[in-house]
Amino acid sequence: MMKVRWSAGARERMDKTADFIQEQYGVKSKMRFKKEVRRVNDLLKANPYLGPVEPLLEDLTAEYHSIVVNSLNKMVYRIADDTIHIADFWDTRREPQKQAQQLKDNESLNLKS
């Protein structure tokens, strides 16, 4: 089984989403959301290629996949050796090209450092 590592940005966006859910819908809804994120995380450990290649990131060197967590969110990840790297956590209601560009910008910064 593979390991899953979250980038700081992906973890932060997921936590902000969870906090928003709690503010709007209560603690139980936040807990259901976090449980769903863990379920998808565990699915990826066993089936890393479960998510399709993310078409908005096909021009990057690394191959990125995405998997839907719920109707409003998806995790964007890449696979390297025995690790699944969660690179971003997208709100599917936002502009997808803008979110993809942010990830691309971060990717190019990581390659320079």
C-alpha atoms as a PDB file:
ATOM      1  CA  MET A   1       0.000   0.000   0.000  1.00  0.00           C
ATOM      2  CA  MET A   2       1.264   3.450  -0.878  1.00  0.00           C
ATOM      3  CA  LYS A   3       1.806   6.402   1.441  1.00  0.00           C
ATOM      4  CA  VAL A   4      -0.110   9.651   1.040  1.00  0.00           C
ATOM      5  CA  ARG A   5       1.529  13.015   1.688  1.00  0.00           C
ATOM      6  CA  TRP A   6      -0.344  16.301   1.589  1.00  0.00           C
ATOM      7  CA  SER A   7       1.268  19.556   0.527  1.00  0.00           C
ATOM      8  CA  ALA A   8       0.877  22.405   2.997  1.00  0.00           C
ATOM      9  CA  GLY A   9      -1.319  24.304   0.536  1.00  0.00           C
ATOM     10  CA  ALA A  10      -3.627  21.352  -0.104  1.00  0.00           C
ATOM     11  CA  ARG A  11      -3.980  20.697   3.628  1.00  0.00           C
ATOM     12  CA  GLU A  12      -4.704  24.385   4.268  1.00  0.00           C
ATOM     13  CA  ARG A  13      -7.410  24.544   1.560  1.00  0.00           C
ATOM     14  CA  MET A  14      -9.018  21.345   2.830  1.00  0.00           C
ATOM     15  CA  ASP A  15      -8.994  22.672   6.412  1.00  0.00           C
ATOM     16  CA  LYS A  16     -10.510  25.995   5.306  1.00  0.00           C
ATOM     17  CA  THR A  17     -13.246  24.096   3.492  1.00  0.00           C
ATOM     18  CA  ALA A  18     -13.929  22.033   6.611  1.00  0.00           C
ATOM     19  CA  ASP A  19     -14.085  25.180   8.749  1.00  0.00           C
ATOM     20  CA  PHE A  20     -16.496  26.811   6.288  1.00  0.00           C
ATOM     21  CA  ILE A  21     -18.716  23.730   6.391  1.00  0.00           C
ATOM     22  CA  GLN A  22     -18.750  23.889  10.179  1.00  0.00           C
ATOM     23  CA  GLU A  23     -19.649  27.595  10.166  1.00  0.00           C
ATOM     24  CA  GLN A  24     -22.478  27.072   7.683  1.00  0.00           C
ATOM     25  CA  TYR A  25     -23.815  23.637   8.610  1.00  0.00           C
ATOM     26  CA  GLY A  26     -22.422  22.617  11.992  1.00  0.00           C
ATOM     27  CA  VAL A  27     -19.905  20.241  13.488  1.00  0.00           C
ATOM     28  CA  LYS A  28     -21.605  17.052  12.265  1.00  0.00           C
ATOM     29  CA  SER A  29     -21.370  18.209   8.661  1.00  0.00           C
ATOM     30  CA  LYS A  30     -17.705  19.054   9.119  1.00  0.00           C
ATOM     31  CA  MET A  31     -17.070  15.586  10.565  1.00  0.00           C
ATOM     32  CA  ARG A  32     -18.890  13.944   7.613  1.00  0.00           C
ATOM     33  CA  PHE A  33     -16.752  15.987   5.207  1.00  0.00           C
ATOM     34  CA  LYS A  34     -13.505  15.010   6.975  1.00  0.00           C
ATOM     35  CA  LYS A  35     -14.615  11.365   7.002  1.00  0.00           C
ATOM     36  CA  GLU A  36     -15.207  11.523   3.229  1.00  0.00           C
ATOM     37  CA  VAL A  37     -11.753  13.037   2.677  1.00  0.00           C
ATOM     38  CA  ARG A  38     -10.202  10.196   4.725  1.00  0.00           C
ATOM     39  CA  ARG A  39     -12.211   7.625   2.741  1.00  0.00           C
ATOM     40  CA  VAL A  40     -10.923   8.994  -0.575  1.00  0.00           C
ATOM     41  CA  ASN A  41      -7.418   9.179   0.894  1.00  0.00           C
ATOM     42  CA  ASP A  42      -7.628   5.485   1.818  1.00  0.00           C
ATOM     43  CA  LEU A  43      -9.029   4.581  -1.619  1.00  0.00           C
ATOM     44  CA  LEU A  44      -6.016   6.227  -3.234  1.00  0.00           C
ATOM     45  CA  LYS A  45      -3.594   4.288  -1.033  1.00  0.00           C
ATOM     46  CA  ALA A  46      -4.944   1.042  -2.415  1.00  0.00           C
ATOM     47  CA  ASN A  47      -5.700   2.299  -5.956  1.00  0.00           C
ATOM     48  CA  PRO A  48      -3.385   5.190  -6.831  1.00  0.00           C
ATOM     49  CA  TYR A  49      -4.510   5.414 -10.462  1.00  0.00           C
ATOM     50  CA  LEU A  50      -8.191   5.556  -9.525  1.00  0.00           C
ATOM     51  CA  GLY A  51      -8.424   9.223 -10.490  1.00  0.00           C
ATOM     52  CA  PRO A  52      -8.089  10.140 -14.159  1.00  0.00           C
ATOM     53  CA  VAL A  53      -5.287  12.338 -15.458  1.00  0.00           C
ATOM     54  CA  GLU A  54      -6.233  15.965 -14.794  1.00  0.00           C
ATOM     55  CA  PRO A  55      -6.682  17.506 -18.276  1.00  0.00           C
ATOM     56  CA  LEU A  56      -5.888  21.044 -17.084  1.00  0.00           C
ATOM     57  CA  LEU A  57      -2.427  19.892 -15.968  1.00  0.00           C
ATOM     58  CA  GLU A  58      -1.447  17.696 -18.919  1.00  0.00           C
ATOM     59  CA  ASP A  59       1.250  20.137 -20.015  1.00  0.00           C
ATOM     60  CA  LEU A  60       3.272  19.659 -16.813  1.00  0.00           C
ATOM     61  CA  THR A  61       6.237  17.304 -16.630  1.00  0.00           C
ATOM     62  CA  ALA A  62       4.718  15.283 -13.803  1.00  0.00           C
ATOM     63  CA  GLU A  63       1.458  13.453 -14.449  1.00  0.00           C
ATOM     64  CA  TYR A  64      -1.302  14.792 -12.216  1.00  0.00           C
ATOM     65  CA  HIS A  65      -4.531  12.975 -11.451  1.00  0.00           C
ATOM     66  CA  SER A  66      -7.670  14.198  -9.737  1.00  0.00           C
ATOM     67  CA  ILE A  67     -10.363  12.470  -7.779  1.00  0.00           C
ATOM     68  CA  VAL A  68     -13.732  13.813  -6.701  1.00  0.00           C
ATOM     69  CA  VAL A  69     -14.227  13.937  -2.941  1.00  0.00           C
ATOM     70  CA  ASN A  70     -17.798  15.213  -3.061  1.00  0.00           C
ATOM     71  CA  SER A  71     -19.906  17.277  -5.421  1.00  0.00           C
ATOM     72  CA  LEU A  72     -17.957  20.447  -4.579  1.00  0.00           C
ATOM     73  CA  ASN A  73     -14.353  19.334  -4.081  1.00  0.00           C
ATOM     74  CA  LYS A  74     -11.632  17.266  -5.644  1.00  0.00           C
ATOM     75  CA  MET A  75      -8.091  16.302  -4.732  1.00  0.00           C
ATOM     76  CA  VAL A  76      -5.320  16.786  -7.271  1.00  0.00           C
ATOM     77  CA  TYR A  77      -2.341  14.467  -6.874  1.00  0.00           C
ATOM     78  CA  ARG A  78       0.713  12.965  -8.478  1.00  0.00           C
ATOM     79  CA  ILE A  79       2.407   9.645  -7.900  1.00  0.00           C
ATOM     80  CA  ALA A  80       6.127   9.321  -7.275  1.00  0.00           C
ATOM     81  CA  ASP A  81       7.730   6.032  -6.283  1.00  0.00           C
ATOM     82  CA  ASP A  82       5.645   4.639  -3.413  1.00  0.00           C
ATOM     83  CA  THR A  83       4.024   7.948  -2.446  1.00  0.00           C
ATOM     84  CA  ILE A  84       0.901   9.769  -3.526  1.00  0.00           C
ATOM     85  CA  HIS A  85       1.468  13.508  -3.232  1.00  0.00           C
ATOM     86  CA  ILE A  86      -1.737  15.477  -2.739  1.00  0.00           C
ATOM     87  CA  ALA A  87      -0.757  18.684  -4.513  1.00  0.00           C
ATOM     88  CA  ASP A  88      -3.975  20.636  -4.239  1.00  0.00           C
ATOM     89  CA  PHE A  89      -7.568  20.585  -3.027  1.00  0.00           C
ATOM     90  CA  TRP A  90      -9.907  22.269  -5.499  1.00  0.00           C
ATOM     91  CA  ASP A  91     -13.307  23.803  -5.001  1.00  0.00           C
ATOM     92  CA  THR A  92     -15.108  22.723  -8.164  1.00  0.00           C
ATOM     93  CA  ARG A  93     -17.256  25.867  -8.095  1.00  0.00           C
ATOM     94  CA  ARG A  94     -14.230  28.092  -8.664  1.00  0.00           C
ATOM     95  CA  GLU A  95     -12.591  28.808 -11.998  1.00  0.00           C
ATOM     96  CA  PRO A  96     -10.745  25.608 -12.905  1.00  0.00           C
ATOM     97  CA  GLN A  97      -8.171  27.316 -15.135  1.00  0.00           C
ATOM     98  CA  LYS A  98      -7.231  29.695 -12.319  1.00  0.00           C
ATOM     99  CA  GLN A  99      -6.780  26.844  -9.847  1.00  0.00           C
ATOM    100  CA  ALA A 100      -4.714  24.917 -12.382  1.00  0.00           C
ATOM    101  CA  GLN A 101      -2.515  27.946 -13.025  1.00  0.00           C
ATOM    102  CA  GLN A 102      -1.873  28.357  -9.297  1.00  0.00           C
ATOM    103  CA  LEU A 103      -0.723  24.759  -9.087  1.00  0.00           C
ATOM    104  CA  LYS A 104       1.456  25.213 -12.188  1.00  0.00           C
ATOM    105  CA  ASP A 105       3.033  28.314 -10.669  1.00  0.00           C
ATOM    106  CA  ASN A 106       3.760  26.421  -7.455  1.00  0.00           C
ATOM    107  CA  GLU A 107       5.190  23.511  -9.451  1.00  0.00           C
ATOM    108  CA  SER A 108       7.617  25.805 -11.281  1.00  0.00           C
ATOM    109  CA  LEU A 109       8.694  27.376  -7.968  1.00  0.00           C
ATOM    110  CA  ASN A 110       9.340  23.925  -6.488  1.00  0.00           C
ATOM    111  CA  LEU A 111      11.499  22.968  -9.472  1.00  0.00           C
ATOM    112  CA  LYS A 112      13.633  26.092  -9.024  1.00  0.00           C
ATOM    113  CA  SER A 113      14.326  25.481  -5.329  1.00  0.00           C
END
